[in-house]
C-alpha atoms as a PDB file:
ATOM      1  CA  MET A   1     109.055 104.354 115.940  1.00  0.00           C
ATOM      2  CA  SER A   2     111.565 102.567 113.365  1.00  0.00           C
ATOM      3  CA  ASN A   3     112.192 104.200 109.855  1.00  0.00           C
ATOM      4  CA  ILE A   4     112.237 101.677 107.056  1.00  0.00           C
ATOM      5  CA  ALA A   5     113.135 103.029 103.883  1.00  0.00           C
ATOM      6  CA  ILE A   6     112.044 101.225 100.356  1.00  0.00           C
ATOM      7  CA  VAL A   7     114.452 102.308  97.569  1.00  0.00           C
ATOM      8  CA  TYR A   8     113.380 101.035  94.398  1.00  0.00           C
ATOM      9  CA  TYR A   9     113.578 101.360  90.507  1.00  0.00           C
ATOM     10  CA  SER A  10     110.158 101.143  88.448  1.00  0.00           C
ATOM     11  CA  GLN A  11     110.003 101.139  84.709  1.00  0.00           C
ATOM     12  CA  GLY A  12     106.443 100.484  84.030  1.00  0.00           C
ATOM     13  CA  GLY A  13     104.738 101.033  87.328  1.00  0.00           C
ATOM     14  CA  ALA A  14     104.818  97.274  88.781  1.00  0.00           C
ATOM     15  CA  THR A  15     107.733  97.538  91.198  1.00  0.00           C
ATOM     16  CA  ALA A  16     106.551 100.590  92.203  1.00  0.00           C
ATOM     17  CA  MET A  17     102.751  99.364  93.111  1.00  0.00           C
ATOM     18  CA  ILE A  18     104.559  96.498  94.936  1.00  0.00           C
ATOM     19  CA  ALA A  19     106.669  99.096  96.845  1.00  0.00           C
ATOM     20  CA  HIS A  20     103.869 100.779  98.011  1.00  0.00           C
ATOM     21  CA  SER A  21     102.343  97.828  99.370  1.00  0.00           C
ATOM     22  CA  VAL A  22     105.399  96.801 101.183  1.00  0.00           C
ATOM     23  CA  ALA A  23     105.295 100.568 102.804  1.00  0.00           C
ATOM     24  CA  GLN A  24     101.802 100.018 103.912  1.00  0.00           C
ATOM     25  CA  GLY A  25     102.657  96.683 105.677  1.00  0.00           C
ATOM     26  CA  VAL A  26     105.435  98.497 107.305  1.00  0.00           C
ATOM     27  CA  ASN A  27     103.223 101.224 108.217  1.00  0.00           C
ATOM     28  CA  ASP A  28     100.374  98.789 109.439  1.00  0.00           C
ATOM     29  CA  ALA A  29     103.307  97.444 111.758  1.00  0.00           C
ATOM     30  CA  GLY A  30     103.594 100.252 113.463  1.00  0.00           C
ATOM     31  CA  ALA A  31     106.902 101.593 111.806  1.00  0.00           C
ATOM     32  CA  HIS A  32     107.158 104.397 109.599  1.00  0.00           C
ATOM     33  CA  ALA A  33     107.894 103.803 105.490  1.00  0.00           C
ATOM     34  CA  GLN A  34     109.811 106.063 103.576  1.00  0.00           C
ATOM     35  CA  LEU A  35     109.597 105.835  99.630  1.00  0.00           C
ATOM     36  CA  PHE A  36     112.590 106.710  97.598  1.00  0.00           C
ATOM     37  CA  SER A  37     112.220 106.013  93.811  1.00  0.00           C
ATOM     38  CA  ILE A  38     115.453 106.054  91.842  1.00  0.00           C
ATOM     39  CA  GLU A  39     114.995 108.016  88.744  1.00  0.00           C
ATOM     40  CA  PRO A  40     116.813 107.969  85.555  1.00  0.00           C
ATOM     41  CA  HIS A  41     117.389 111.450  85.640  1.00  0.00           C
ATOM     42  CA  GLN A  42     119.505 110.930  88.688  1.00  0.00           C
ATOM     43  CA  LEU A  43     122.078 109.535  86.291  1.00  0.00           C
ATOM     44  CA  VAL A  44     124.850 111.883  84.830  1.00  0.00           C
ATOM     45  CA  ASP A  45     127.185 110.312  81.938  1.00  0.00           C
ATOM     46  CA  GLY A  46     126.193 107.068  83.496  1.00  0.00           C
ATOM     47  CA  GLN A  47     126.951 107.689  87.018  1.00  0.00           C
ATOM     48  CA  TRP A  48     123.978 107.942  89.948  1.00  0.00           C
ATOM     49  CA  HIS A  49     123.900 111.321  92.052  1.00  0.00           C
ATOM     50  CA  ASP A  50     121.701 112.065  94.795  1.00  0.00           C
ATOM     51  CA  GLU A  51     123.577 112.745  98.004  1.00  0.00           C
ATOM     52  CA  ALA A  52     120.597 114.047  99.644  1.00  0.00           C
ATOM     53  CA  MET A  53     118.892 110.535  99.076  1.00  0.00           C
ATOM     54  CA  LEU A  54     122.316 108.636 100.268  1.00  0.00           C
ATOM     55  CA  SER A  55     121.807 110.778 103.569  1.00  0.00           C
ATOM     56  CA  ARG A  56     118.476 109.785 104.453  1.00  0.00           C
ATOM     57  CA  LEU A  57     119.083 106.330 103.795  1.00  0.00           C
ATOM     58  CA  ALA A  58     122.102 106.174 106.147  1.00  0.00           C
ATOM     59  CA  ALA A  59     119.632 107.259 108.878  1.00  0.00           C
ATOM     60  CA  ALA A  60     117.060 104.801 108.487  1.00  0.00           C
ATOM     61  CA  ASP A  61     116.890 101.486 110.429  1.00  0.00           C
ATOM     62  CA  ALA A  62     116.304  99.366 107.456  1.00  0.00           C
ATOM     63  CA  ILE A  63     116.496  99.621 103.543  1.00  0.00           C
ATOM     64  CA  ILE A  64     114.465  97.357 101.125  1.00  0.00           C
ATOM     65  CA  PHE A  65     115.527  97.411  97.467  1.00  0.00           C
ATOM     66  CA  GLY A  66     113.055  96.867  94.405  1.00  0.00           C
ATOM     67  CA  ALA A  67     113.742  96.664  91.003  1.00  0.00           C
ATOM     68  CA  PRO A  68     112.358  94.564  87.843  1.00  0.00           C
ATOM     69  CA  ALA A  69     114.484  92.018  86.520  1.00  0.00           C
ATOM     70  CA  PHE A  70     115.576  92.446  82.952  1.00  0.00           C
ATOM     71  CA  HIS A  71     116.902  90.007  80.704  1.00  0.00           C
ATOM     72  CA  GLY A  72     117.801  87.577  83.814  1.00  0.00           C
ATOM     73  CA  GLY A  73     119.459  90.279  85.838  1.00  0.00           C
ATOM     74  CA  ILE A  74     119.593  93.675  87.772  1.00  0.00           C
ATOM     75  CA  ALA A  75     117.842  96.597  85.865  1.00  0.00           C
ATOM     76  CA  ALA A  76     120.662  99.000  84.894  1.00  0.00           C
ATOM     77  CA  VAL A  77     119.450 102.163  86.577  1.00  0.00           C
ATOM     78  CA  PHE A  78     119.351 100.307  89.823  1.00  0.00           C
ATOM     79  CA  LYS A  79     123.308  99.048  89.336  1.00  0.00           C
ATOM     80  CA  ALA A  80     124.132 102.396  88.773  1.00  0.00           C
ATOM     81  CA  PHE A  81     122.524 103.713  92.298  1.00  0.00           C
ATOM     82  CA  ALA A  82     124.141 100.463  93.849  1.00  0.00           C
ATOM     83  CA  ASP A  83     127.478 101.654  92.470  1.00  0.00           C
ATOM     84  CA  ALA A  84     126.811 105.124  94.028  1.00  0.00           C
ATOM     85  CA  THR A  85     126.851 103.572  97.605  1.00  0.00           C
ATOM     86  CA  THR A  86     130.439 102.901  97.666  1.00  0.00           C
ATOM     87  CA  GLY A  87     130.763 105.853  99.933  1.00  0.00           C
ATOM     88  CA  MET A  88     128.398 104.268 102.256  1.00  0.00           C
ATOM     89  CA  TRP A  89     130.461 101.265 102.256  1.00  0.00           C
ATOM     90  CA  ARG A  90     133.391 102.974 103.291  1.00  0.00           C
ATOM     91  CA  ALA A  91     132.090 104.775 106.094  1.00  0.00           C
ATOM     92  CA  ARG A  92     130.062 101.765 107.381  1.00  0.00           C
ATOM     93  CA  SER A  93     126.740 103.722 106.926  1.00  0.00           C
ATOM     94  CA  TRP A  94     124.725 100.933 106.330  1.00  0.00           C
ATOM     95  CA  ARG A  95     126.371  98.050 108.551  1.00  0.00           C
ATOM     96  CA  ASN A  96     124.081  96.104 110.859  1.00  0.00           C
ATOM     97  CA  LYS A  97     120.949  97.788 109.099  1.00  0.00           C
ATOM     98  CA  VAL A  98     118.225  95.391 108.280  1.00  0.00           C
ATOM     99  CA  ALA A  99     117.953  94.905 104.328  1.00  0.00           C
ATOM    100  CA  GLY A 100     115.429  93.172 102.479  1.00  0.00           C
ATOM    101  CA  GLY A 101     114.342  93.141  98.436  1.00  0.00           C
ATOM    102  CA  PHE A 102     111.770  92.636  96.016  1.00  0.00           C
ATOM    103  CA  SER A 103     111.432  92.132  92.232  1.00  0.00           C
ATOM    104  CA  PHE A 104     109.315  91.972  89.223  1.00  0.00           C
ATOM    105  CA  SER A 105     109.804  90.506  85.651  1.00  0.00           C
ATOM    106  CA  CYS A 106     107.091  90.775  82.848  1.00  0.00           C
ATOM    107  CA  ARG A 107     108.572  87.719  81.093  1.00  0.00           C
ATOM    108  CA  SER A 108     109.177  84.100  82.063  1.00  0.00           C
ATOM    109  CA  SER A 109     112.532  84.455  80.935  1.00  0.00           C
ATOM    110  CA  ASP A 110     113.673  87.247  83.291  1.00  0.00           C
ATOM    111  CA  ASP A 111     114.931  85.338  86.271  1.00  0.00           C
ATOM    112  CA  LYS A 112     114.048  87.042  89.496  1.00  0.00           C
ATOM    113  CA  ARG A 113     116.210  84.947  91.762  1.00  0.00           C
ATOM    114  CA  ASP A 114     119.412  86.565  90.061  1.00  0.00           C
ATOM    115  CA  THR A 115     117.838  90.283  90.829  1.00  0.00           C
ATOM    116  CA  LEU A 116     117.227  89.271  94.577  1.00  0.00           C
ATOM    117  CA  ASP A 117     120.580  87.570  94.665  1.00  0.00           C
ATOM    118  CA  TYR A 118     122.219  90.723  93.903  1.00  0.00           C
ATOM    119  CA  PHE A 119     120.097  92.491  96.596  1.00  0.00           C
ATOM    120  CA  ALA A 120     121.263  89.737  99.050  1.00  0.00           C
ATOM    121  CA  ALA A 121     124.967  90.418  98.023  1.00  0.00           C
ATOM    122  CA  LEU A 122     124.649  94.167  97.839  1.00  0.00           C
ATOM    123  CA  ALA A 123     123.589  93.546 101.612  1.00  0.00           C
ATOM    124  CA  ALA A 124     126.197  91.372 102.616  1.00  0.00           C
ATOM    125  CA  GLN A 125     128.909  93.673 101.381  1.00  0.00           C
ATOM    126  CA  HIS A 126     127.493  96.235 103.474  1.00  0.00           C
ATOM    127  CA  GLY A 127     127.307  94.337 106.441  1.00  0.00           C
ATOM    128  CA  MET A 128     123.531  94.354 106.453  1.00  0.00           C
ATOM    129  CA  VAL A 129     121.011  91.852 108.304  1.00  0.00           C
ATOM    130  CA  TRP A 130     119.000  90.215 105.723  1.00  0.00           C
ATOM    131  CA  ALA A 131     115.209  89.685 106.303  1.00  0.00           C
ATOM    132  CA  ASP A 132     113.528  86.603 104.503  1.00  0.00           C
ATOM    133  CA  ALA A 133     110.241  86.350 103.598  1.00  0.00           C
ATOM    134  CA  ASP A 134     107.655  84.706 105.647  1.00  0.00           C
ATOM    135  CA  ALA A 135     106.985  81.247 103.801  1.00  0.00           C
ATOM    136  CA  GLU A 136     103.313  81.068 105.236  1.00  0.00           C
ATOM    137  CA  ALA A 137     102.338  84.345 104.147  1.00  0.00           C
ATOM    138  CA  PRO A 138      99.031  84.876 101.626  1.00  0.00           C
ATOM    139  CA  GLY A 139     100.179  84.712  97.903  1.00  0.00           C
ATOM    140  CA  PHE A 140     103.740  83.100  98.372  1.00  0.00           C
ATOM    141  CA  GLU A 141     102.581  80.053  96.331  1.00  0.00           C
ATOM    142  CA  MET A 142     104.512  79.231  93.027  1.00  0.00           C
ATOM    143  CA  ARG A 143     102.001  79.835  90.408  1.00  0.00           C
ATOM    144  CA  GLY A 144     104.377  80.877  87.565  1.00  0.00           C
ATOM    145  CA  THR A 145     107.893  82.010  86.681  1.00  0.00           C
ATOM    146  CA  ALA A 146     106.767  85.805  85.777  1.00  0.00           C
ATOM    147  CA  GLY A 147     105.508  88.139  88.354  1.00  0.00           C
ATOM    148  CA  ALA A 148     106.588  89.572  91.616  1.00  0.00           C
ATOM    149  CA  SER A 149     109.524  88.522  94.017  1.00  0.00           C
ATOM    150  CA  MET A 150     109.998  89.221  97.764  1.00  0.00           C
ATOM    151  CA  ALA A 151     112.841  87.418  99.692  1.00  0.00           C
ATOM    152  CA  SER A 152     112.518  82.924  99.741  1.00  0.00           C
ATOM    153  CA  ARG A 153     113.745  80.616  97.448  1.00  0.00           C
ATOM    154  CA  VAL A 154     111.907  80.633  93.874  1.00  0.00           C
ATOM    155  CA  THR A 155     111.668  77.527  91.740  1.00  0.00           C
ATOM    156  CA  PRO A 156     109.161  76.937  89.138  1.00  0.00           C
ATOM    157  CA  GLN A 157     106.152  75.052  89.751  1.00  0.00           C
ATOM    158  CA  VAL A 158     107.370  74.349  93.534  1.00  0.00           C
ATOM    159  CA  ALA A 159     106.496  76.080  96.501  1.00  0.00           C
ATOM    160  CA  ARG A 160     108.774  78.670  98.202  1.00  0.00           C
ATOM    161  CA  PHE A 161     110.214  77.966 101.627  1.00  0.00           C
ATOM    162  CA  ALA A 162     111.892  80.735 103.747  1.00  0.00           C
ATOM    163  CA  GLY A 163     115.511  80.842 104.385  1.00  0.00           C
ATOM    164  CA  ASP A 164     116.324  78.874 101.242  1.00  0.00           C
ATOM    165  CA  PHE A 165     116.721  81.960  98.970  1.00  0.00           C
ATOM    166  CA  PRO A 166     116.936  85.737  99.200  1.00  0.00           C
ATOM    167  CA  ALA A 167     113.689  86.319  97.531  1.00  0.00           C
ATOM    168  CA  VAL A 168     108.584  85.708  96.754  1.00  0.00           C
ATOM    169  CA  THR A 169     106.633  85.490  93.439  1.00  0.00           C
ATOM    170  CA  ALA A 170     103.673  85.224  91.517  1.00  0.00           C
ATOM    171  CA  PRO A 171     102.435  85.357  87.956  1.00  0.00           C
ATOM    172  CA  GLY A 172     102.518  88.195  85.460  1.00  0.00           C
ATOM    173  CA  VAL A 173     101.870  88.891  81.606  1.00  0.00           C
ATOM    174  CA  GLU A 174     103.740  90.235  78.887  1.00  0.00           C
ATOM    175  CA  VAL A 175     103.510  93.698  79.896  1.00  0.00           C
ATOM    176  CA  ASP A 176     105.820  95.887  82.333  1.00  0.00           C
ATOM    177  CA  ALA A 177     102.513  97.573  83.828  1.00  0.00           C
ATOM    178  CA  ALA A 178     100.971  97.864  87.579  1.00  0.00           C
ATOM    179  CA  TYR A 179      97.926  95.931  86.290  1.00  0.00           C
ATOM    180  CA  ALA A 180     100.076  93.131  85.292  1.00  0.00           C
ATOM    181  CA  LEU A 181      99.917  92.380  89.085  1.00  0.00           C
ATOM    182  CA  ASP A 182      98.054  89.545  90.727  1.00  0.00           C
ATOM    183  CA  PRO A 183      96.512  90.821  93.874  1.00  0.00           C
ATOM    184  CA  ALA A 184      98.263  88.302  95.862  1.00  0.00           C
ATOM    185  CA  ASP A 185     101.277  90.343  94.677  1.00  0.00           C
ATOM    186  CA  VAL A 186     100.195  92.923  96.517  1.00  0.00           C
ATOM    187  CA  ILE A 187      99.232  91.094  99.754  1.00  0.00           C
ATOM    188  CA  SER A 188     102.452  89.498  99.818  1.00  0.00           C
ATOM    189  CA  GLY A 189     104.084  93.015  99.818  1.00  0.00           C
ATOM    190  CA  LYS A 190     102.145  94.185 102.643  1.00  0.00           C
ATOM    191  CA  GLN A 191     103.165  90.798 104.700  1.00  0.00           C
ATOM    192  CA  TYR A 192     106.643  91.299 103.909  1.00  0.00           C
ATOM    193  CA  GLY A 193     106.589  94.879 104.944  1.00  0.00           C
ATOM    194  CA  ARG A 194     105.363  93.658 108.195  1.00  0.00           C
ATOM    195  CA  ASN A 195     108.031  91.352 108.516  1.00  0.00           C
ATOM    196  CA  VAL A 196     110.689  93.389 107.992  1.00  0.00           C
ATOM    197  CA  ALA A 197     109.427  95.874 110.559  1.00  0.00           C
ATOM    198  CA  SER A 198     108.902  93.314 113.058  1.00  0.00           C
ATOM    199  CA  LEU A 199     112.575  92.163 112.682  1.00  0.00           C
ATOM    200  CA  VAL A 200     113.466  95.561 112.917  1.00  0.00           C
ATOM    201  CA  ALA A 201     111.729  95.820 116.106  1.00  0.00           C
ATOM    202  CA  ARG A 202     112.974  92.434 117.571  1.00  0.00           C
ATOM    203  CA  LEU A 203     116.538  93.483 116.847  1.00  0.00           C
ATOM    204  CA  ALA A 204     115.736  96.819 118.510  1.00  0.00           C
ATOM    205  CA  GLY A 205     114.285  95.254 121.501  1.00  0.00           C
ATOM    206  CA  GLU A 206     110.933  97.381 120.672  1.00  0.00           C
ATOM    207  CA  VAL A 207     107.340  96.061 121.082  1.00  0.00           C
ATOM    208  CA  LEU A 208     105.631  97.261 117.751  1.00  0.00           C
ATOM    209  CA  GLU A 209     101.964  98.806 117.989  1.00  0.00           C
ATOM    210  CA  SER A 210      99.017  99.001 115.964  1.00  0.00           C
ATOM    211  CA  PRO A 211      97.814 102.218 114.262  1.00  0.00           C
ATOM    212  CA  ALA A 212      94.801 101.919 116.257  1.00  0.00           C
ATOM    213  CA  VAL A 213      96.828 101.867 119.595  1.00  0.00           C
ATOM    214  CA  LEU A 214      99.373 104.717 118.643  1.00  0.00           C
ATOM    215  CA  ALA A 215      96.497 106.688 117.497  1.00  0.00           C
ATOM    216  CA  ARG A 216      94.452 106.403 120.765  1.00  0.00           C
ATOM    217  CA  ARG A 217      97.837 107.174 122.587  1.00  0.00           C
ATOM    218  CA  ALA A 218      98.320 110.163 120.711  1.00  0.00           C
ATOM    219  CA  LEU A 219      94.561 111.364 121.370  1.00  0.00           C
ATOM    220  CA  GLU A 220      95.003 110.602 125.211  1.00  0.00           C
ATOM    221  CA  ALA A 221      98.149 112.712 125.186  1.00  0.00           C
ATOM    222  CA  ALA A 222      96.313 115.524 123.350  1.00  0.00           C
ATOM    223  CA  GLU A 223      93.648 115.351 125.830  1.00  0.00           C
ATOM    224  CA  ARG A 224      95.924 115.532 128.770  1.00  0.00           C
ATOM    225  CA  ARG A 225      97.440 118.793 127.433  1.00  0.00           C
ATOM    226  CA  LEU A 226      94.156 120.719 127.187  1.00  0.00           C
END
């Protein structure tokens, strides 16, 4: 079973909700999702520190990044985390892992494309394989410039297409909170999680099975031991 890490920073709860929906999609696909929340208390004198988290990320098969877009760019707390991955870069600990990303903004002036571009650049620096979004997934039609975004081109008032841009969006309101999300954002998050899990499985030559099949096999194995 593949281990897929979702490392994110959330200020008001919306990004965290998207992270959990992505994790649910990963688990629904038969892989194992691990959620890692980047917290301000991990910053010491402006530098991010959590060696235990970095070790667990190094052991994952894929890493999905998540953060809100603030004033047209990446949130400072996430940037501090990214800066702290220099040791992972030197050791090539993330090389050839699958990478992905999602972002949220509560204002139309905050451009999520820049945040998602940053995730893609970070992944490229580490030699990772980017997992794009499925353009046909539910909720991937463009309806506004605020809201949530996960890996494909995002252009105001224009439909998104997978492969054009590292990024998925939906409308939001003038508040950074979980209730600002459209239900379509959650659906898109689940679909993206499934897409990443499927890509990891294909690259590993695995065949993903549904949770129901896995549960039945576990039950059969337990019965054989009786």
